[in-house]
Protein backbone atom coordinates (compact mmCIF):
# COMPACT_ATOMS: atom_id res chain seq x y z
CA MET A 1 -13.52 -7.28 22.41
CA LYS A 2 -15.34 -10.14 21.96
CA LEU A 3 -18.51 -10.57 21.44
CA LEU A 4 -20.29 -13.69 22.93
CA ASP A 5 -24.21 -13.76 22.40
CA LEU A 6 -27.10 -11.40 21.62
CA TYR A 7 -30.59 -12.14 22.94
CA LEU A 8 -33.33 -10.13 20.63
CA LYS A 9 -37.31 -9.59 22.05
CA ASN A 10 -39.59 -8.02 19.56
CA ILE A 11 -36.06 -6.11 17.95
CA GLY A 12 -36.58 -5.89 13.82
CA PRO A 13 -38.67 -9.17 12.64
CA PHE A 14 -37.89 -11.03 15.65
CA LEU A 15 -39.73 -12.20 18.51
CA ASP A 16 -37.56 -14.11 20.51
CA ASP A 17 -34.10 -15.38 19.30
CA THR A 18 -30.73 -15.94 20.10
CA VAL A 19 -27.53 -15.72 18.24
CA GLU A 20 -24.29 -17.22 19.87
CA PHE A 21 -21.43 -15.69 17.75
CA ALA A 22 -18.30 -17.90 17.39
CA THR A 23 -15.50 -17.63 19.37
CA PHE A 24 -12.10 -19.57 19.56
CA GLU A 25 -13.53 -21.16 22.75
CA ASN A 26 -16.36 -22.86 20.52
CA SER A 27 -15.06 -22.95 16.91
CA LYS A 28 -12.18 -23.29 14.77
CA LYS A 29 -12.53 -19.59 13.41
CA GLN A 30 -14.13 -16.77 14.84
CA VAL A 31 -16.66 -16.49 11.76
CA THR A 32 -20.32 -16.05 12.53
CA ILE A 33 -22.41 -15.90 8.68
CA LEU A 34 -25.90 -15.08 8.87
CA THR A 35 -27.93 -15.72 5.72
CA GLY A 36 -31.62 -15.79 4.55
CA GLU A 37 -34.19 -14.27 1.94
CA ASN A 38 -34.04 -10.51 1.61
CA GLY A 39 -36.56 -8.97 4.69
CA THR A 40 -35.85 -11.32 6.85
CA GLY A 41 -33.20 -9.37 9.44
CA LYS A 42 -29.96 -9.98 8.78
CA THR A 43 -28.41 -6.54 8.66
CA ILE A 44 -31.43 -5.81 11.72
CA ILE A 45 -28.77 -8.21 13.80
CA LEU A 46 -25.85 -5.75 12.75
CA ASP A 47 -27.69 -2.97 13.68
CA THR A 48 -28.34 -3.45 17.16
CA ILE A 49 -25.08 -4.42 17.67
CA ARG A 50 -24.17 -1.43 16.41
CA GLY A 51 -26.87 0.46 18.30
CA LEU A 52 -25.83 -1.35 21.76
CA LEU A 53 -21.81 -0.19 21.50
CA LEU A 54 -22.69 3.13 20.52
CA GLY A 55 -26.05 3.67 22.87
CA ASP A 56 -27.52 7.30 21.67
CA LYS A 57 -24.14 8.20 19.59
CA ALA A 58 -25.85 5.95 17.16
CA ARG A 59 -28.14 8.79 15.97
CA ASN A 60 -25.75 9.08 13.12
CA SER A 61 -25.16 5.60 12.04
CA LEU A 62 -28.46 3.70 12.34
CA LYS A 63 -31.05 5.05 9.43
CA ARG A 64 -33.95 2.64 10.75
CA LYS A 65 -35.90 1.59 13.95
CA ILE A 66 -34.62 -1.14 15.78
CA SER A 67 -37.68 -2.39 18.17
CA ARG A 68 -40.75 -4.15 16.64
CA ASN A 69 -42.91 -2.75 19.25
CA ASP A 70 -42.49 -0.86 22.63
CA ASP A 71 -42.28 -3.87 24.42
CA PHE A 72 -38.83 -5.28 23.46
CA SER A 73 -35.60 -6.57 24.99
CA THR A 74 -32.35 -6.71 23.39
CA GLN A 75 -28.97 -7.79 25.55
CA LEU A 76 -25.47 -8.08 24.24
CA SER A 77 -23.22 -9.99 26.26
CA LEU A 78 -19.11 -9.37 25.32
CA SER A 79 -15.78 -9.43 26.67
CA VAL A 80 -13.91 -6.63 26.78
CA LYS A 81 -10.03 -6.10 28.80
CA ASN A 82 -10.75 -9.33 30.29
CA GLN A 83 -14.06 -8.71 31.71
CA THR A 84 -17.07 -10.51 30.69
CA THR A 85 -20.55 -8.14 30.32
CA LYS A 86 -24.00 -7.56 29.46
CA ILE A 87 -25.28 -4.23 27.79
CA TYR A 88 -29.00 -3.73 28.13
CA ALA A 89 -31.24 -1.65 25.93
CA LYS A 90 -33.45 -0.03 28.65
CA LYS A 91 -35.24 2.78 25.55
CA PHE A 92 -35.16 3.51 22.56
CA ASN A 93 -35.96 7.19 21.06
CA ALA A 94 -36.27 7.43 17.39
CA HIS A 95 -33.93 4.54 15.54
CA PHE A 96 -31.41 4.27 18.60
CA PRO A 97 -30.67 3.19 22.18
CA VAL A 98 -30.81 6.16 24.62
CA SER A 99 -30.75 4.49 27.38
CA LEU A 100 -28.24 1.66 28.08
CA GLU A 101 -26.88 -0.33 31.67
CA THR A 102 -24.19 -2.79 31.87
CA GLU A 103 -23.67 -5.31 34.45
CA SER A 104 -19.96 -3.10 35.31
CA SER A 105 -20.26 0.47 36.53
CA ASN A 106 -16.60 0.51 35.04
CA LEU A 107 -17.37 0.28 31.65
CA ASN A 108 -18.99 2.17 29.31
CA VAL A 109 -18.80 0.70 26.26
CA ALA A 110 -20.46 3.27 24.17
CA SER A 111 -18.26 6.30 25.34
CA ILE A 112 -15.41 4.38 23.79
CA PHE A 113 -16.24 4.86 20.74
CA TYR A 114 -16.66 8.77 20.65
CA PHE A 115 -14.23 10.10 23.42
CA PRO A 116 -10.27 9.93 22.33
CA THR A 117 -9.17 9.83 25.95
CA LYS A 118 -11.11 6.28 26.34
CA SER A 119 -8.78 4.65 23.48
CA LYS A 120 -5.60 4.13 25.47
CA GLY A 121 -5.78 0.69 27.17
CA ASN A 122 -7.97 -0.88 24.84
CA ILE A 123 -6.02 -3.66 23.01
CA TRP A 124 -8.86 -4.17 20.79
CA ILE A 125 -10.24 -2.62 17.35
CA ALA A 126 -13.85 -2.80 15.96
CA ASN A 127 -15.11 -1.67 12.38
CA TYR A 128 -18.12 -1.77 10.13
CA TRP A 129 -18.23 -2.47 6.84
CA THR A 130 -21.27 -1.46 4.36
CA SER A 131 -21.44 -1.77 0.21
CA GLN A 132 -21.06 1.90 0.05
CA ASN A 133 -18.22 3.20 -1.33
CA ASP A 134 -17.05 7.13 -1.26
CA ASN A 135 -17.73 8.81 -4.13
CA GLU A 136 -14.77 11.71 -3.09
CA SER A 137 -11.75 12.27 -4.93
CA PHE A 138 -8.58 9.81 -3.40
CA ASN A 139 -6.57 13.47 -3.90
CA ILE A 140 -5.25 14.67 -0.35
CA ALA A 141 -3.71 18.52 -0.63
CA SER A 142 -0.72 17.14 1.56
CA LEU A 143 1.13 14.21 3.92
CA ASP A 144 -0.88 13.98 6.66
CA PHE A 145 -0.68 11.97 10.14
CA LEU A 146 -2.80 9.26 11.59
CA LYS A 147 -3.80 10.40 15.02
CA PRO A 148 -4.37 6.92 17.18
CA ASP A 149 -5.60 8.41 19.87
CA GLN A 150 -8.97 8.69 17.63
CA TYR A 151 -8.77 5.14 15.62
CA LEU A 152 -12.35 3.92 17.20
CA ILE A 153 -14.13 7.13 16.12
CA ASN A 154 -16.76 6.88 13.43
CA ALA A 155 -15.48 3.06 13.33
CA LEU A 156 -19.20 1.47 13.14
CA ASP A 157 -20.09 4.32 10.61
CA GLY A 158 -19.38 1.96 8.33
CA ILE A 159 -18.00 4.53 6.04
CA GLN A 160 -14.60 4.02 4.61
CA LYS A 161 -13.56 7.67 2.95
CA ASN A 162 -11.19 7.81 -0.63
CA ALA A 163 -9.11 10.20 0.73
CA GLU A 164 -8.34 8.35 4.19
CA THR A 165 -6.91 5.38 1.68
CA THR A 166 -4.39 7.96 0.24
CA LYS A 167 -3.73 8.96 3.57
CA ILE A 168 -2.51 5.64 5.56
CA ILE A 169 -0.50 4.75 2.17
CA THR A 170 1.09 7.86 1.56
CA PHE A 171 2.13 8.24 5.83
CA PHE A 172 4.00 4.78 6.01
CA ASP A 173 5.63 5.23 2.41
CA TYR A 174 7.24 8.34 4.02
CA TYR A 175 7.49 6.42 7.60
CA LYS A 176 9.58 3.86 5.90
CA SER A 177 12.12 6.45 4.94
CA SER A 178 12.51 8.18 8.34
CA ASP A 179 16.49 8.16 9.58
CA LYS A 180 15.58 7.19 12.80
CA LEU A 181 15.84 3.38 12.78
CA GLU A 182 13.21 2.37 14.91
CA GLN A 183 10.38 4.61 12.44
CA LYS A 184 12.11 3.03 9.48
CA LYS A 185 11.39 -0.68 10.97
CA GLU A 186 7.64 0.53 11.84
CA GLY A 187 7.04 1.97 7.97
CA GLU A 188 8.89 -0.77 6.10
CA PHE A 189 6.85 -3.56 8.57
CA ILE A 190 3.81 -1.70 7.75
CA TYR A 191 3.98 -1.11 4.07
CA GLU A 192 4.96 -3.95 3.26
CA THR A 193 1.49 -5.36 4.60
CA ILE A 194 0.30 -2.69 2.55
CA LYS A 195 1.72 -4.19 -0.36
CA ARG A 196 0.44 -7.91 0.71
CA ILE A 197 -3.31 -6.21 0.86
CA PHE A 198 -2.77 -4.88 -2.87
CA LYS A 199 -1.65 -8.26 -3.54
CA ILE A 200 -4.30 -10.08 -2.08
CA SER A 201 -7.29 -7.67 -3.41
CA LEU A 202 -5.67 -7.35 -7.24
CA ASN A 203 -5.69 -10.04 -9.88
CA GLU A 204 -2.40 -9.76 -11.46
CA GLY A 205 -1.60 -6.52 -9.45
CA GLU A 206 0.36 -4.71 -6.98
CA LEU A 207 1.21 -1.43 -5.29
CA LYS A 208 4.03 -0.25 -7.12
CA TYR A 209 4.92 3.02 -5.61
CA VAL A 210 3.55 6.67 -4.13
CA ASP A 211 4.38 9.20 -6.40
CA ARG A 212 5.75 11.63 -3.55
CA ALA A 213 5.06 15.08 -6.04
CA SER A 214 1.49 14.39 -6.51
CA LEU A 215 1.18 11.98 -3.54
CA LEU A 216 -0.91 9.97 -5.41
CA PRO A 217 -0.52 5.71 -4.97
CA ILE A 218 0.43 4.15 -8.02
CA ILE A 219 -0.87 0.34 -8.67
CA GLU A 220 0.59 -2.14 -11.51
CA ILE A 221 -1.93 -4.45 -13.55
CA ASN A 222 -0.65 -6.34 -16.33
CA GLY A 223 2.42 -4.06 -16.87
CA ASN A 224 0.07 -1.12 -16.87
CA GLU A 225 0.61 1.84 -13.97
CA ILE A 226 -2.62 3.27 -12.49
CA SER A 227 -3.69 5.41 -9.73
CA LEU A 228 -6.58 4.29 -7.19
CA GLU A 229 -9.67 5.43 -8.66
CA LYS A 230 -9.04 3.62 -11.38
CA LEU A 231 -9.28 0.34 -9.82
CA SER A 232 -12.93 -1.95 -9.54
CA SER A 233 -15.18 -1.41 -7.28
CA GLY A 234 -14.87 -4.46 -5.99
CA ASN A 235 -10.98 -4.03 -5.73
CA LEU A 236 -11.52 -0.87 -3.92
CA TYR A 237 -13.67 -2.76 -1.65
CA LEU A 238 -10.86 -5.33 -0.08
CA ILE A 239 -7.96 -2.56 -0.34
CA GLN A 240 -9.93 0.36 1.67
CA ARG A 241 -11.65 -1.51 4.06
CA MET A 242 -8.39 -3.98 4.97
CA LEU A 243 -6.05 -0.82 5.21
CA GLY A 244 -9.15 0.67 7.81
CA LEU A 245 -8.21 -2.34 9.94
CA LEU A 246 -4.77 -2.05 9.68
CA SER A 247 -4.43 1.71 10.63
CA GLN A 248 -6.57 0.66 13.66
CA MET A 249 -3.98 -2.20 14.61
CA TYR A 250 -1.45 0.52 14.32
CA SER A 251 -2.83 2.77 16.75
CA VAL A 252 -3.52 0.56 18.99
CA TYR A 253 0.42 -0.98 18.86
CA LYS A 254 1.48 2.83 19.19
CA LEU A 255 -1.12 3.54 21.94
CA ASN A 256 -0.07 0.68 24.21
CA ASP A 257 3.92 0.16 23.33
CA LEU A 258 3.12 -3.22 21.67
CA ALA A 259 5.65 -5.31 20.25
CA LEU A 260 5.68 -4.89 16.41
CA GLU A 261 5.45 -8.50 15.50
CA ASP A 262 2.20 -9.07 17.18
CA MET A 263 0.28 -5.71 15.85
CA LEU A 264 -1.54 -7.87 13.02
CA LYS A 265 -2.51 -10.08 15.88
CA THR A 266 -4.53 -7.90 17.14
CA PRO A 267 -8.34 -8.77 18.16
CA GLY A 268 -11.17 -7.25 17.58
CA VAL A 269 -14.58 -7.09 15.86
CA LEU A 270 -15.57 -6.73 12.34
CA LEU A 271 -19.14 -6.79 11.44
CA ILE A 272 -19.80 -7.23 7.72
CA ASP A 273 -23.40 -6.41 5.79
CA GLU A 274 -23.66 -7.92 2.46
CA ALA A 275 -20.87 -9.48 2.29
CA GLU A 276 -20.85 -10.62 -1.43
CA ASN A 277 -21.59 -7.00 -2.69
CA HIS A 278 -19.12 -5.97 -5.74
CA LEU A 279 -17.31 -9.36 -5.20
CA HIS A 280 -17.12 -11.74 -8.21
CA PRO A 281 -17.73 -15.45 -6.66
CA LYS A 282 -14.15 -16.37 -7.13
CA TRP A 283 -13.51 -13.48 -4.47
CA GLN A 284 -16.40 -14.41 -2.68
CA LYS A 285 -14.89 -17.81 -2.29
CA THR A 286 -11.58 -15.88 -0.59
CA PHE A 287 -13.04 -13.01 0.83
CA LEU A 288 -13.19 -13.97 4.54
CA ASN A 289 -10.04 -16.19 4.46
CA SER A 290 -7.97 -12.96 3.00
CA ILE A 291 -8.60 -11.17 6.16
CA LEU A 292 -8.12 -13.50 8.51
CA GLU A 293 -4.54 -14.26 6.63
CA ILE A 294 -3.15 -11.03 7.72
CA PHE A 295 -5.36 -10.08 10.77
CA PRO A 296 -6.02 -13.60 12.43
CA ASN A 297 -7.58 -13.11 15.69
CA LEU A 298 -10.59 -11.47 14.10
CA GLN A 299 -14.09 -11.94 15.01
CA ILE A 300 -16.24 -11.42 12.19
CA ILE A 301 -19.64 -11.44 12.33
CA ALA A 302 -20.88 -11.05 8.15
CA THR A 303 -24.45 -11.02 6.49
CA THR A 304 -24.70 -12.40 3.03
CA HIS A 305 -26.65 -13.85 0.37
CA SER A 306 -23.89 -16.24 -1.32
CA PRO A 307 -23.58 -19.25 -1.38
CA PHE A 308 -19.68 -18.88 -1.78
CA ILE A 309 -19.64 -16.89 1.16
CA VAL A 310 -21.45 -19.34 3.70
CA GLY A 311 -19.13 -21.85 2.35
CA SER A 312 -15.52 -20.41 2.15
CA VAL A 313 -14.82 -21.05 5.62
CA ASP A 314 -14.22 -23.75 7.81
CA GLY A 315 -15.38 -23.74 11.19
CA ALA A 316 -17.76 -21.13 10.31
CA LYS A 317 -21.13 -20.82 12.65
CA ILE A 318 -24.25 -20.81 10.13
CA TYR A 319 -27.40 -18.71 11.00
CA VAL A 320 -30.12 -18.74 8.42
CA CYS A 321 -32.90 -15.89 8.90
CA LYS A 322 -36.61 -17.61 8.26
CA SER A 323 -39.63 -15.73 7.48
CA GLN A 324 -42.74 -16.96 9.27
CA ASP A 325 -46.00 -15.88 9.16
CA ASN A 326 -45.77 -12.46 10.66
CA HIS A 327 -41.92 -12.82 11.96
CA SER A 328 -38.91 -14.43 11.04
CA VAL A 329 -36.78 -16.60 13.52
CA ILE A 330 -32.80 -16.99 13.51
CA GLU A 331 -31.93 -21.05 13.06
CA ASP A 332 -28.55 -22.65 13.80
CA GLU A 333 -27.79 -24.43 10.52
CA THR A 334 -23.64 -24.91 11.16
CA SER A 335 -24.27 -28.70 11.60
CA PHE A 336 -25.98 -28.54 7.51
CA TYR A 337 -23.30 -26.42 5.90
CA SER A 338 -20.53 -27.22 7.49
CA ASN A 339 -18.28 -28.64 4.96
CA LYS A 340 -20.70 -29.04 2.40
CA PRO A 341 -19.71 -28.70 -1.45
CA ILE A 342 -20.71 -25.28 -2.88
CA ASN A 343 -23.28 -27.69 -5.39
CA GLU A 344 -25.08 -28.86 -2.20
CA ILE A 345 -25.39 -25.17 -0.42
CA LEU A 346 -26.93 -23.95 -4.27
CA VAL A 347 -29.69 -26.83 -3.79
CA SER A 348 -30.41 -25.96 -0.10
CA GLU A 349 -33.77 -24.18 1.25
CA VAL A 350 -31.71 -20.86 1.40
CA PHE A 351 -30.38 -20.67 -2.17
CA SER A 352 -32.29 -23.31 -4.81
CA GLU A 353 -34.58 -20.74 -5.76
CA THR A 354 -32.33 -17.72 -5.99
CA GLN A 355 -29.18 -19.36 -7.39
CA PRO A 356 -30.01 -21.53 -10.12
CA PHE A 357 -26.19 -22.42 -10.82
CA ALA A 358 -26.27 -26.09 -11.11
CA SER A 359 -28.01 -28.08 -13.76
CA LYS A 360 -31.34 -28.92 -13.21
CA GLU A 361 -30.54 -32.70 -13.37
CA ILE A 362 -27.59 -32.16 -10.65
CA SER A 363 -29.79 -29.75 -8.82
CA ASP A 364 -32.33 -32.85 -8.70
CA LEU A 365 -29.90 -35.64 -7.93
CA LEU A 366 -28.53 -33.62 -4.99
CA GLU A 367 -32.18 -32.92 -3.74
CA GLU A 368 -33.14 -37.09 -3.89
CA ARG A 369 -29.57 -37.60 -1.99
CA GLU A 370 -30.16 -35.04 0.84
CA LYS A 371 -33.71 -36.67 1.48
CA ALA A 372 -32.43 -40.57 1.11
CA ILE A 373 -29.53 -39.27 3.62
CA HIS A 374 -32.46 -37.67 6.05
CA GLU A 375 -34.51 -40.78 5.62
CA ASN A 376 -31.65 -43.04 6.51
CA ASN A 377 -31.85 -44.59 3.19
CA LYS A 378 -28.32 -45.91 2.56
CA GLU A 379 -29.34 -47.76 -1.14
CA LEU A 380 -30.56 -44.98 -2.50
CA GLU A 381 -27.81 -42.47 -1.38
CA ASN A 382 -24.99 -44.92 -2.83
CA LYS A 383 -27.20 -44.95 -6.46
CA ILE A 384 -27.97 -41.20 -6.23
CA GLU A 385 -23.92 -40.80 -6.18
CA ASP A 386 -22.92 -43.58 -8.35
CA ARG A 387 -25.02 -41.59 -10.93
CA LEU A 388 -23.32 -37.88 -9.93
CA LEU A 389 -19.92 -39.45 -10.15
CA GLU A 390 -20.96 -40.62 -13.65
CA ILE A 391 -22.15 -37.13 -14.55
CA ASN A 392 -18.93 -35.02 -12.97
CA PRO A 393 -16.15 -37.87 -11.62
CA GLN A 394 -13.68 -35.63 -10.86
CA TYR A 395 -15.97 -32.51 -9.01
CA PHE A 396 -17.76 -35.48 -6.86
CA SER A 397 -14.87 -37.89 -6.17
CA TYR A 398 -15.28 -36.72 -2.42
CA PHE A 399 -18.19 -39.05 -2.19
CA LYS A 400 -15.53 -41.89 -2.70
CA ILE A 401 -13.18 -40.08 0.31
CA ASP A 402 -14.06 -43.09 3.09
CA ASP A 403 -12.65 -45.51 0.21
CA LEU A 404 -9.87 -43.93 -0.24
CA ILE A 405 -8.86 -43.47 2.79
CA LYS A 406 -9.36 -47.63 4.06
CA GLN A 407 -7.27 -48.27 1.26
CA ILE A 408 -4.38 -46.21 2.31
CA GLN A 409 -4.84 -47.81 5.80
CA ASN A 410 -4.87 -51.14 4.43
CA GLN A 411 -1.73 -50.32 2.59
């Protein structure tokens, strides 16, 4: 499944807006980032997508009203099973759509997420991440098995159970010790992927082993062995959710008898709300790329307040939700934020008032440089860049990249 675009009329704070999502056909990477101030409608966009995909089954997932008034319209264009179609919401009941139409009578997307018999034949996954963490125990009473035919059930609820994390790790630890060569090969491949996930998600740490007596995964950090519940919320956020993706891809692989080496290439849609939550800026810079490092064919649609995430993915589409007098608008600002260094993103309109990380002098100079560029005042632009180079020659050395390229070409 791949999302193409979403039309919103009187949905949330939006009067008449369209978002075209990043796909391999129109962007370097399938990453769409939605940013903007609080209350401008970022999460409503994700809720609308979930509502359209789930239909009346969204009653347990959506917590607030989506439509602005009774004169609403919303339409999601998507490609699934190599078929392009559109889902229209005809009616809302409380917070969720209860009446949907699609262009194809053969495609009832909402049913796929709640009826296991529909899962086989779907060579894709779907998932939704929120900043909420489960407060229940990581302990499991006995070894449990994954149920591939149910991998889409609750996939868009945004809930990742702690016990499910333990279940996934212990299952594949058990599976890799099988005497059956095929199962052993599968288990070893997936367990090594689990270890990669831990390595990416931890600072100087790794998954060491599974204590088979207690069925508890043991992690080693700086020479100390700890269990899952001792990890920070940020570490757990990445590990748990990436393990959820892995188990879904394993299910697709088993249901459809795919090649093992292609399992991690399974396409799908990942919705992430408030992507920066629980994460230090260091992790925010690498977060989305870490997901794509292991799962390269995912289409990611993420909301964020973080300039570090906005500037983290080369080739991402960037939309800014902006507040007007009594509504919000969605503006494509990909060209403005593309390949921009973090200091310039920090002093942009969206972040300058809320993220004062740059010094005042640098912030003022960057604002003046931006104005000079818009006014095509090359002399002033060069003067400002020279001053910034004086202040921090190492960081602002990229101003002279064109001169360096010319020097290399003339050698």
